[in-house]
PDB file of N, CA and C in Angstrom:
ATOM      1  N   MET A   1       5.862 -51.089  60.410  1.00  0.00           N
ATOM      2  CA  MET A   1       6.423 -50.046  59.621  1.00  0.00           C
ATOM      3  C   MET A   1       5.309 -49.307  58.918  1.00  0.00           C
ATOM      4  N   GLY A   2       5.449 -48.012  58.896  1.00  0.00           N
ATOM      5  CA  GLY A   2       4.467 -47.183  58.224  1.00  0.00           C
ATOM      6  C   GLY A   2       4.831 -46.962  56.756  1.00  0.00           C
ATOM      7  N   LEU A   3       3.833 -46.557  56.009  1.00  0.00           N
ATOM      8  CA  LEU A   3       4.070 -46.275  54.595  1.00  0.00           C
ATOM      9  C   LEU A   3       4.755 -44.923  54.451  1.00  0.00           C
ATOM     10  N   ARG A   4       5.784 -44.891  53.667  1.00  0.00           N
ATOM     11  CA  ARG A   4       6.460 -43.632  53.390  1.00  0.00           C
ATOM     12  C   ARG A   4       5.937 -43.047  52.102  1.00  0.00           C
ATOM     13  N   GLN A   5       5.677 -41.769  52.130  1.00  0.00           N
ATOM     14  CA  GLN A   5       5.179 -41.117  50.914  1.00  0.00           C
ATOM     15  C   GLN A   5       6.375 -40.693  50.065  1.00  0.00           C
ATOM     16  N   MET A   6       6.361 -41.118  48.832  1.00  0.00           N
ATOM     17  CA  MET A   6       7.455 -40.798  47.923  1.00  0.00           C
ATOM     18  C   MET A   6       7.137 -39.485  47.216  1.00  0.00           C
ATOM     19  N   PRO A   7       8.124 -38.649  47.022  1.00  0.00           N
ATOM     20  CA  PRO A   7       7.878 -37.419  46.272  1.00  0.00           C
ATOM     21  C   PRO A   7       7.614 -37.733  44.803  1.00  0.00           C
ATOM     22  N   ALA A   8       6.835 -36.872  44.164  1.00  0.00           N
ATOM     23  CA  ALA A   8       6.527 -37.057  42.738  1.00  0.00           C
ATOM     24  C   ALA A   8       7.796 -36.888  41.925  1.00  0.00           C
ATOM     25  N   PRO A   9       7.972 -37.705  40.908  1.00  0.00           N
ATOM     26  CA  PRO A   9       9.192 -37.600  40.119  1.00  0.00           C
ATOM     27  C   PRO A   9       9.226 -36.271  39.355  1.00  0.00           C
ATOM     28  N   ASP A  10      10.405 -35.722  39.215  1.00  0.00           N
ATOM     29  CA  ASP A  10      10.605 -34.472  38.496  1.00  0.00           C
ATOM     30  C   ASP A  10      10.599 -34.790  37.000  1.00  0.00           C
ATOM     31  N   PRO A  11       9.669 -34.200  36.211  1.00  0.00           N
ATOM     32  CA  PRO A  11       9.601 -34.544  34.789  1.00  0.00           C
ATOM     33  C   PRO A  11      10.855 -34.132  34.025  1.00  0.00           C
ATOM     34  N   MET A  12      11.541 -33.081  34.470  1.00  0.00           N
ATOM     35  CA  MET A  12      12.733 -32.639  33.755  1.00  0.00           C
ATOM     36  C   MET A  12      13.871 -33.641  33.935  1.00  0.00           C
ATOM     37  N   ARG A  13      13.924 -34.283  35.083  1.00  0.00           N
ATOM     38  CA  ARG A  13      14.978 -35.272  35.323  1.00  0.00           C
ATOM     39  C   ARG A  13      14.741 -36.545  34.530  1.00  0.00           C
ATOM     40  N   LEU A  14      13.473 -36.875  34.335  1.00  0.00           N
ATOM     41  CA  LEU A  14      13.145 -38.108  33.614  1.00  0.00           C
ATOM     42  C   LEU A  14      13.193 -37.935  32.110  1.00  0.00           C
ATOM     43  N   GLY A  15      13.362 -36.724  31.645  1.00  0.00           N
ATOM     44  CA  GLY A  15      13.425 -36.479  30.206  1.00  0.00           C
ATOM     45  C   GLY A  15      12.066 -36.314  29.573  1.00  0.00           C
ATOM     46  N   ALA A  16      11.008 -36.224  30.367  1.00  0.00           N
ATOM     47  CA  ALA A  16       9.665 -36.026  29.816  1.00  0.00           C
ATOM     48  C   ALA A  16       9.535 -34.569  29.382  1.00  0.00           C
ATOM     49  N   PRO A  17       8.931 -34.307  28.231  1.00  0.00           N
ATOM     50  CA  PRO A  17       8.804 -32.924  27.769  1.00  0.00           C
ATOM     51  C   PRO A  17       7.820 -32.147  28.629  1.00  0.00           C
ATOM     52  N   ASP A  18       8.144 -30.917  28.861  1.00  0.00           N
ATOM     53  CA  ASP A  18       7.268 -30.023  29.597  1.00  0.00           C
ATOM     54  C   ASP A  18       6.112 -29.658  28.669  1.00  0.00           C
ATOM     55  N   THR A  19       4.885 -29.837  29.125  1.00  0.00           N
ATOM     56  CA  THR A  19       3.731 -29.610  28.246  1.00  0.00           C
ATOM     57  C   THR A  19       3.616 -28.155  27.821  1.00  0.00           C
ATOM     58  N   ALA A  20       3.965 -27.212  28.690  1.00  0.00           N
ATOM     59  CA  ALA A  20       3.913 -25.802  28.318  1.00  0.00           C
ATOM     60  C   ALA A  20       4.952 -25.496  27.244  1.00  0.00           C
ATOM     61  N   CYS A  21       6.120 -26.097  27.396  1.00  0.00           N
ATOM     62  CA  CYS A  21       7.182 -25.892  26.412  1.00  0.00           C
ATOM     63  C   CYS A  21       6.797 -26.519  25.080  1.00  0.00           C
ATOM     64  N   LEU A  22       6.182 -27.692  25.126  1.00  0.00           N
ATOM     65  CA  LEU A  22       5.752 -28.378  23.914  1.00  0.00           C
ATOM     66  C   LEU A  22       4.682 -27.569  23.188  1.00  0.00           C
ATOM     67  N   ALA A  23       3.730 -27.014  23.936  1.00  0.00           N
ATOM     68  CA  ALA A  23       2.673 -26.204  23.323  1.00  0.00           C
ATOM     69  C   ALA A  23       3.255 -24.943  22.706  1.00  0.00           C
ATOM     70  N   ALA A  24       4.245 -24.368  23.340  1.00  0.00           N
ATOM     71  CA  ALA A  24       4.870 -23.156  22.805  1.00  0.00           C
ATOM     72  C   ALA A  24       5.605 -23.448  21.508  1.00  0.00           C
ATOM     73  N   ARG A  25       6.148 -24.646  21.370  1.00  0.00           N
ATOM     74  CA  ARG A  25       6.833 -25.007  20.122  1.00  0.00           C
ATOM     75  C   ARG A  25       5.847 -25.329  19.006  1.00  0.00           C
ATOM     76  N   GLU A  26       4.670 -25.847  19.344  1.00  0.00           N
ATOM     77  CA  GLU A  26       3.678 -26.200  18.329  1.00  0.00           C
ATOM     78  C   GLU A  26       2.913 -24.979  17.828  1.00  0.00           C
ATOM     79  N   ARG A  27       2.831 -23.936  18.626  1.00  0.00           N
ATOM     80  CA  ARG A  27       2.052 -22.753  18.261  1.00  0.00           C
ATOM     81  C   ARG A  27       2.563 -22.091  16.982  1.00  0.00           C
ATOM     82  N   PRO A  28       3.869 -21.833  16.818  1.00  0.00           N
ATOM     83  CA  PRO A  28       4.330 -21.223  15.562  1.00  0.00           C
ATOM     84  C   PRO A  28       4.050 -22.094  14.341  1.00  0.00           C
ATOM     85  N   ALA A  29       4.147 -23.394  14.497  1.00  0.00           N
ATOM     86  CA  ALA A  29       3.866 -24.286  13.369  1.00  0.00           C
ATOM     87  C   ALA A  29       2.401 -24.196  12.967  1.00  0.00           C
ATOM     88  N   ALA A  30       1.520 -24.102  13.947  1.00  0.00           N
ATOM     89  CA  ALA A  30       0.092 -23.977  13.647  1.00  0.00           C
ATOM     90  C   ALA A  30      -0.203 -22.641  12.979  1.00  0.00           C
ATOM     91  N   ILE A  31       0.461 -21.599  13.426  1.00  0.00           N
ATOM     92  CA  ILE A  31       0.271 -20.280  12.813  1.00  0.00           C
ATOM     93  C   ILE A  31       0.777 -20.293  11.377  1.00  0.00           C
ATOM     94  N   LEU A  32       1.908 -20.936  11.147  1.00  0.00           N
ATOM     95  CA  LEU A  32       2.437 -21.032   9.778  1.00  0.00           C
ATOM     96  C   LEU A  32       1.495 -21.816   8.873  1.00  0.00           C
ATOM     97  N   ARG A  33       0.918 -22.894   9.383  1.00  0.00           N
ATOM     98  CA  ARG A  33      -0.037 -23.667   8.579  1.00  0.00           C
ATOM     99  C   ARG A  33      -1.256 -22.819   8.242  1.00  0.00           C
ATOM    100  N   LEU A  34      -1.751 -22.070   9.227  1.00  0.00           N
ATOM    101  CA  LEU A  34      -2.901 -21.205   9.002  1.00  0.00           C
ATOM    102  C   LEU A  34      -2.577 -20.129   7.964  1.00  0.00           C
ATOM    103  N   CYS A  35      -1.416 -19.515   8.088  1.00  0.00           N
ATOM    104  CA  CYS A  35      -1.007 -18.495   7.110  1.00  0.00           C
ATOM    105  C   CYS A  35      -0.873 -19.099   5.714  1.00  0.00           C
ATOM    106  N   GLY A  36      -0.378 -20.318   5.653  1.00  0.00           N
ATOM    107  CA  GLY A  36      -0.262 -20.995   4.359  1.00  0.00           C
ATOM    108  C   GLY A  36      -1.618 -21.249   3.731  1.00  0.00           C
ATOM    109  N   CYS A  37      -2.575 -21.647   4.550  1.00  0.00           N
ATOM    110  CA  CYS A  37      -3.939 -21.881   4.044  1.00  0.00           C
ATOM    111  C   CYS A  37      -4.573 -20.582   3.562  1.00  0.00           C
ATOM    112  N   ILE A  38      -4.376 -19.520   4.320  1.00  0.00           N
ATOM    113  CA  ILE A  38      -4.933 -18.222   3.924  1.00  0.00           C
ATOM    114  C   ILE A  38      -4.286 -17.740   2.636  1.00  0.00           C
ATOM    115  N   ALA A  39      -2.977 -17.896   2.526  1.00  0.00           N
ATOM    116  CA  ALA A  39      -2.275 -17.474   1.309  1.00  0.00           C
ATOM    117  C   ALA A  39      -2.748 -18.279   0.099  1.00  0.00           C
ATOM    118  N   ALA A  40      -2.959 -19.566   0.283  1.00  0.00           N
ATOM    119  CA  ALA A  40      -3.438 -20.405  -0.818  1.00  0.00           C
ATOM    120  C   ALA A  40      -4.846 -19.989  -1.244  1.00  0.00           C
ATOM    121  N   ALA A  41      -5.692 -19.680  -0.276  1.00  0.00           N
ATOM    122  CA  ALA A  41      -7.053 -19.249  -0.595  1.00  0.00           C
ATOM    123  C   ALA A  41      -7.042 -17.915  -1.338  1.00  0.00           C
ATOM    124  N   LEU A  42      -6.191 -17.005  -0.906  1.00  0.00           N
ATOM    125  CA  LEU A  42      -6.102 -15.708  -1.588  1.00  0.00           C
ATOM    126  C   LEU A  42      -5.555 -15.863  -3.003  1.00  0.00           C
ATOM    127  N   ALA A  43      -4.579 -16.729  -3.171  1.00  0.00           N
ATOM    128  CA  ALA A  43      -4.026 -16.959  -4.504  1.00  0.00           C
ATOM    129  C   ALA A  43      -5.075 -17.571  -5.429  1.00  0.00           C
ATOM    130  N   THR A  44      -5.833 -18.528  -4.916  1.00  0.00           N
ATOM    131  CA  THR A  44      -6.881 -19.156  -5.715  1.00  0.00           C
ATOM    132  C   THR A  44      -7.949 -18.142  -6.097  1.00  0.00           C
ATOM    133  N   TRP A  45      -8.370 -17.323  -5.130  1.00  0.00           N
ATOM    134  CA  TRP A  45      -9.369 -16.297  -5.404  1.00  0.00           C
ATOM    135  C   TRP A  45      -8.846 -15.305  -6.433  1.00  0.00           C
ATOM    136  N   SER A  46      -7.600 -14.928  -6.315  1.00  0.00           N
ATOM    137  CA  SER A  46      -7.006 -13.968  -7.236  1.00  0.00           C
ATOM    138  C   SER A  46      -6.977 -14.532  -8.664  1.00  0.00           C
ATOM    139  N   LEU A  47      -6.588 -15.788  -8.800  1.00  0.00           N
ATOM    140  CA  LEU A  47      -6.547 -16.402 -10.133  1.00  0.00           C
ATOM    141  C   LEU A  47      -7.940 -16.527 -10.729  1.00  0.00           C
ATOM    142  N   ARG A  48      -8.899 -16.944  -9.920  1.00  0.00           N
ATOM    143  CA  ARG A  48     -10.269 -17.098 -10.422  1.00  0.00           C
ATOM    144  C   ARG A  48     -10.865 -15.762 -10.823  1.00  0.00           C
ATOM    145  N   SER A  49     -10.639 -14.735 -10.002  1.00  0.00           N
ATOM    146  CA  SER A  49     -11.197 -13.426 -10.344  1.00  0.00           C
ATOM    147  C   SER A  49     -10.506 -12.866 -11.580  1.00  0.00           C
ATOM    148  N   GLY A  50      -9.208 -13.124 -11.734  1.00  0.00           N
ATOM    149  CA  GLY A  50      -8.503 -12.699 -12.940  1.00  0.00           C
ATOM    150  C   GLY A  50      -9.038 -13.400 -14.175  1.00  0.00           C
ATOM    151  N   ASP A  51      -9.286 -14.690 -14.074  1.00  0.00           N
ATOM    152  CA  ASP A  51      -9.853 -15.444 -15.202  1.00  0.00           C
ATOM    153  C   ASP A  51     -11.239 -14.924 -15.566  1.00  0.00           C
ATOM    154  N   THR A  52     -12.042 -14.627 -14.555  1.00  0.00           N
ATOM    155  CA  THR A  52     -13.386 -14.105 -14.802  1.00  0.00           C
ATOM    156  C   THR A  52     -13.315 -12.750 -15.494  1.00  0.00           C
ATOM    157  N   LEU A  53     -12.408 -11.903 -15.045  1.00  0.00           N
ATOM    158  CA  LEU A  53     -12.239 -10.590 -15.660  1.00  0.00           C
ATOM    159  C   LEU A  53     -11.824 -10.712 -17.126  1.00  0.00           C
ATOM    160  N   LEU A  54     -10.899 -11.623 -17.410  1.00  0.00           N
ATOM    161  CA  LEU A  54     -10.483 -11.836 -18.799  1.00  0.00           C
ATOM    162  C   LEU A  54     -11.623 -12.374 -19.655  1.00  0.00           C
ATOM    163  N   LEU A  55     -12.437 -13.259 -19.096  1.00  0.00           N
ATOM    164  CA  LEU A  55     -13.589 -13.787 -19.824  1.00  0.00           C
ATOM    165  C   LEU A  55     -14.560 -12.661 -20.168  1.00  0.00           C
ATOM    166  N   TRP A  56     -14.843 -11.780 -19.205  1.00  0.00           N
ATOM    167  CA  TRP A  56     -15.762 -10.674 -19.442  1.00  0.00           C
ATOM    168  C   TRP A  56     -15.211  -9.728 -20.506  1.00  0.00           C
ATOM    169  N   MET A  57     -13.915  -9.458 -20.453  1.00  0.00           N
ATOM    170  CA  MET A  57     -13.309  -8.575 -21.455  1.00  0.00           C
ATOM    171  C   MET A  57     -13.393  -9.190 -22.857  1.00  0.00           C
ATOM    172  N   GLU A  58     -13.197 -10.494 -22.937  1.00  0.00           N
ATOM    173  CA  GLU A  58     -13.288 -11.180 -24.227  1.00  0.00           C
ATOM    174  C   GLU A  58     -14.725 -11.154 -24.757  1.00  0.00           C
ATOM    175  N   ARG A  59     -15.697 -11.306 -23.895  1.00  0.00           N
ATOM    176  CA  ARG A  59     -17.096 -11.218 -24.328  1.00  0.00           C
ATOM    177  C   ARG A  59     -17.417  -9.840 -24.887  1.00  0.00           C
ATOM    178  N   VAL A  60     -16.950  -8.804 -24.210  1.00  0.00           N
ATOM    179  CA  VAL A  60     -17.187  -7.436 -24.691  1.00  0.00           C
ATOM    180  C   VAL A  60     -16.563  -7.262 -26.073  1.00  0.00           C
ATOM    181  N   ARG A  61     -15.329  -7.729 -26.235  1.00  0.00           N
ATOM    182  CA  ARG A  61     -14.633  -7.597 -27.520  1.00  0.00           C
ATOM    183  C   ARG A  61     -15.373  -8.336 -28.631  1.00  0.00           C
ATOM    184  N   GLN A  62     -15.791  -9.574 -28.356  1.00  0.00           N
ATOM    185  CA  GLN A  62     -16.475 -10.372 -29.373  1.00  0.00           C
ATOM    186  C   GLN A  62     -17.832  -9.771 -29.744  1.00  0.00           C
ATOM    187  N   ARG A  63     -18.546  -9.267 -28.775  1.00  0.00           N
ATOM    188  CA  ARG A  63     -19.869  -8.696 -29.062  1.00  0.00           C
ATOM    189  C   ARG A  63     -19.752  -7.396 -29.845  1.00  0.00           C
ATOM    190  N   ARG A  64     -18.734  -6.614 -29.549  1.00  0.00           N
ATOM    191  CA  ARG A  64     -18.506  -5.404 -30.353  1.00  0.00           C
ATOM    192  C   ARG A  64     -18.129  -5.761 -31.777  1.00  0.00           C
ATOM    193  N   ALA A  65     -17.277  -6.779 -31.920  1.00  0.00           N
ATOM    194  CA  ALA A  65     -16.868  -7.212 -33.253  1.00  0.00           C
ATOM    195  C   ALA A  65     -18.066  -7.761 -34.027  1.00  0.00           C
ATOM    196  N   LEU A  66     -18.927  -8.493 -33.372  1.00  0.00           N
ATOM    197  CA  LEU A  66     -20.121  -9.041 -34.019  1.00  0.00           C
ATOM    198  C   LEU A  66     -21.050  -7.916 -34.466  1.00  0.00           C
ATOM    199  N   GLY A  67     -21.179  -6.895 -33.638  1.00  0.00           N
ATOM    200  CA  GLY A  67     -22.041  -5.765 -34.002  1.00  0.00           C
ATOM    201  C   GLY A  67     -21.491  -4.929 -35.143  1.00  0.00           C
ATOM    202  N   SER A  68     -20.196  -5.002 -35.374  1.00  0.00           N
ATOM    203  CA  SER A  68     -19.590  -4.196 -36.439  1.00  0.00           C
ATOM    204  C   SER A  68     -19.504  -4.923 -37.785  1.00  0.00           C
ATOM    205  N   LEU A  69     -19.944  -6.172 -37.857  1.00  0.00           N
ATOM    206  CA  LEU A  69     -19.887  -6.916 -39.116  1.00  0.00           C
ATOM    207  C   LEU A  69     -20.914  -6.372 -40.104  1.00  0.00           C
ATOM    208  N   SER A  70     -20.546  -6.455 -41.374  1.00  0.00           N
ATOM    209  CA  SER A  70     -21.465  -6.000 -42.429  1.00  0.00           C
ATOM    210  C   SER A  70     -22.555  -7.053 -42.654  1.00  0.00           C
ATOM    211  N   ASP A  71     -23.612  -6.654 -43.365  1.00  0.00           N
ATOM    212  CA  ASP A  71     -24.709  -7.587 -43.658  1.00  0.00           C
ATOM    213  C   ASP A  71     -24.224  -8.760 -44.500  1.00  0.00           C
ATOM    214  N   HIS A  72     -23.291  -8.493 -45.384  1.00  0.00           N
ATOM    215  CA  HIS A  72     -22.741  -9.554 -46.240  1.00  0.00           C
ATOM    216  C   HIS A  72     -22.012 -10.603 -45.375  1.00  0.00           C
ATOM    217  N   MET A  73     -21.216 -10.143 -44.434  1.00  0.00           N
ATOM    218  CA  MET A  73     -20.497 -11.079 -43.551  1.00  0.00           C
ATOM    219  C   MET A  73     -21.463 -11.848 -42.649  1.00  0.00           C
ATOM    220  N   LEU A  74     -22.491 -11.163 -42.188  1.00  0.00           N
ATOM    221  CA  LEU A  74     -23.488 -11.834 -41.353  1.00  0.00           C
ATOM    222  C   LEU A  74     -24.217 -12.915 -42.141  1.00  0.00           C
ATOM    223  N   LYS A  75     -24.486 -12.623 -43.420  1.00  0.00           N
ATOM    224  CA  LYS A  75     -25.160 -13.604 -44.267  1.00  0.00           C
ATOM    225  C   LYS A  75     -24.275 -14.834 -44.444  1.00  0.00           C
ATOM    226  N   ASP A  76     -22.947 -14.615 -44.574  1.00  0.00           N
ATOM    227  CA  ASP A  76     -22.017 -15.742 -44.685  1.00  0.00           C
ATOM    228  C   ASP A  76     -22.027 -16.608 -43.422  1.00  0.00           C
ATOM    229  N   LEU A  77     -22.243 -15.980 -42.292  1.00  0.00           N
ATOM    230  CA  LEU A  77     -22.293 -16.710 -41.024  1.00  0.00           C
ATOM    231  C   LEU A  77     -23.660 -17.322 -40.750  1.00  0.00           C
ATOM    232  N   GLY A  78     -24.649 -16.937 -41.532  1.00  0.00           N
ATOM    233  CA  GLY A  78     -26.001 -17.448 -41.327  1.00  0.00           C
ATOM    234  C   GLY A  78     -26.731 -16.721 -40.208  1.00  0.00           C
ATOM    235  N   LEU A  79     -26.357 -15.456 -39.980  1.00  0.00           N
ATOM    236  CA  LEU A  79     -26.987 -14.663 -38.929  1.00  0.00           C
ATOM    237  C   LEU A  79     -27.697 -13.461 -39.531  1.00  0.00           C
ATOM    238  N   SER A  80     -28.706 -12.989 -38.831  1.00  0.00           N
ATOM    239  CA  SER A  80     -29.392 -11.780 -39.264  1.00  0.00           C
ATOM    240  C   SER A  80     -28.953 -10.620 -38.372  1.00  0.00           C
ATOM    241  N   ARG A  81     -29.314  -9.414 -38.776  1.00  0.00           N
ATOM    242  CA  ARG A  81     -28.969  -8.237 -37.987  1.00  0.00           C
ATOM    243  C   ARG A  81     -29.674  -8.282 -36.619  1.00  0.00           C
ATOM    244  N   SER A  82     -30.879  -8.826 -36.567  1.00  0.00           N
ATOM    245  CA  SER A  82     -31.586  -8.912 -35.285  1.00  0.00           C
ATOM    246  C   SER A  82     -30.909  -9.914 -34.345  1.00  0.00           C
ATOM    247  N   ASP A  83     -30.346 -10.993 -34.897  1.00  0.00           N
ATOM    248  CA  ASP A  83     -29.593 -11.945 -34.068  1.00  0.00           C
ATOM    249  C   ASP A  83     -28.396 -11.265 -33.425  1.00  0.00           C
ATOM    250  N   THR A  84     -27.676 -10.493 -34.213  1.00  0.00           N
ATOM    251  CA  THR A  84     -26.494  -9.818 -33.667  1.00  0.00           C
ATOM    252  C   THR A  84     -26.891  -8.720 -32.684  1.00  0.00           C
ATOM    253  N   GLY A  85     -28.023  -8.062 -32.946  1.00  0.00           N
ATOM    254  CA  GLY A  85     -28.489  -7.035 -32.009  1.00  0.00           C
ATOM    255  C   GLY A  85     -28.833  -7.627 -30.658  1.00  0.00           C
ATOM    256  N   PHE A  86     -29.438  -8.802 -30.684  1.00  0.00           N
ATOM    257  CA  PHE A  86     -29.778  -9.471 -29.426  1.00  0.00           C
ATOM    258  C   PHE A  86     -28.512  -9.863 -28.674  1.00  0.00           C
ATOM    259  N   GLU A  87     -27.553 -10.444 -29.389  1.00  0.00           N
ATOM    260  CA  GLU A  87     -26.323 -10.917 -28.744  1.00  0.00           C
ATOM    261  C   GLU A  87     -25.451  -9.753 -28.276  1.00  0.00           C
ATOM    262  N   SER A  88     -25.315  -8.737 -29.081  1.00  0.00           N
ATOM    263  CA  SER A  88     -24.455  -7.615 -28.685  1.00  0.00           C
ATOM    264  C   SER A  88     -25.123  -6.735 -27.632  1.00  0.00           C
ATOM    265  N   GLY A  89     -26.407  -6.897 -27.431  1.00  0.00           N
ATOM    266  CA  GLY A  89     -27.103  -6.145 -26.401  1.00  0.00           C
ATOM    267  C   GLY A  89     -27.001  -6.761 -25.012  1.00  0.00           C
ATOM    268  N   LYS A  90     -26.443  -7.953 -24.931  1.00  0.00           N
ATOM    269  CA  LYS A  90     -26.290  -8.609 -23.620  1.00  0.00           C
ATOM    270  C   LYS A  90     -25.239  -7.892 -22.792  1.00  0.00           C
ATOM    271  N   ARG A  91     -25.382  -7.985 -21.486  1.00  0.00           N
ATOM    272  CA  ARG A  91     -24.369  -7.447 -20.587  1.00  0.00           C
ATOM    273  C   ARG A  91     -23.168  -8.379 -20.575  1.00  0.00           C
ATOM    274  N   PHE A  92     -22.021  -7.843 -20.176  1.00  0.00           N
ATOM    275  CA  PHE A  92     -20.784  -8.619 -20.266  1.00  0.00           C
ATOM    276  C   PHE A  92     -20.771  -9.843 -19.349  1.00  0.00           C
ATOM    277  N   TRP A  93     -21.541  -9.831 -18.277  1.00  0.00           N
ATOM    278  CA  TRP A  93     -21.543 -10.987 -17.359  1.00  0.00           C
ATOM    279  C   TRP A  93     -22.538 -12.053 -17.784  1.00  0.00           C
ATOM    280  N   GLU A  94     -23.373 -11.753 -18.766  1.00  0.00           N
ATOM    281  CA  GLU A  94     -24.355 -12.728 -19.238  1.00  0.00           C
ATOM    282  C   GLU A  94     -23.701 -13.641 -20.259  1.00  0.00           C
ATOM    283  N   GLY A  95     -23.885 -14.931 -20.064  1.00  0.00           N
ATOM    284  CA  GLY A  95     -23.224 -15.913 -20.916  1.00  0.00           C
ATOM    285  C   GLY A  95     -23.796 -16.058 -22.280  1.00  0.00           C
TER     286      GLY A  95
END
């Protein structure tokens, strides 16, 4: 007796998932995860840049207020006019 060649089993009949179909179902999930990561990064960047902007605005306000103090008030704080001139002369991004 000779060997009979058996046909390959049909994956759809055996209930095995079609790899192309499986990849097509995973693709939207991967895109959603990527979009979620991008959205989180943008939100984090937005919050950090907003915080930095508020910090810079507060520095400008404080330095203007320091420059407008009278000599009597500066003496109470233990500062001289040259100290305030140095501090109020800084740029807003300088700490």
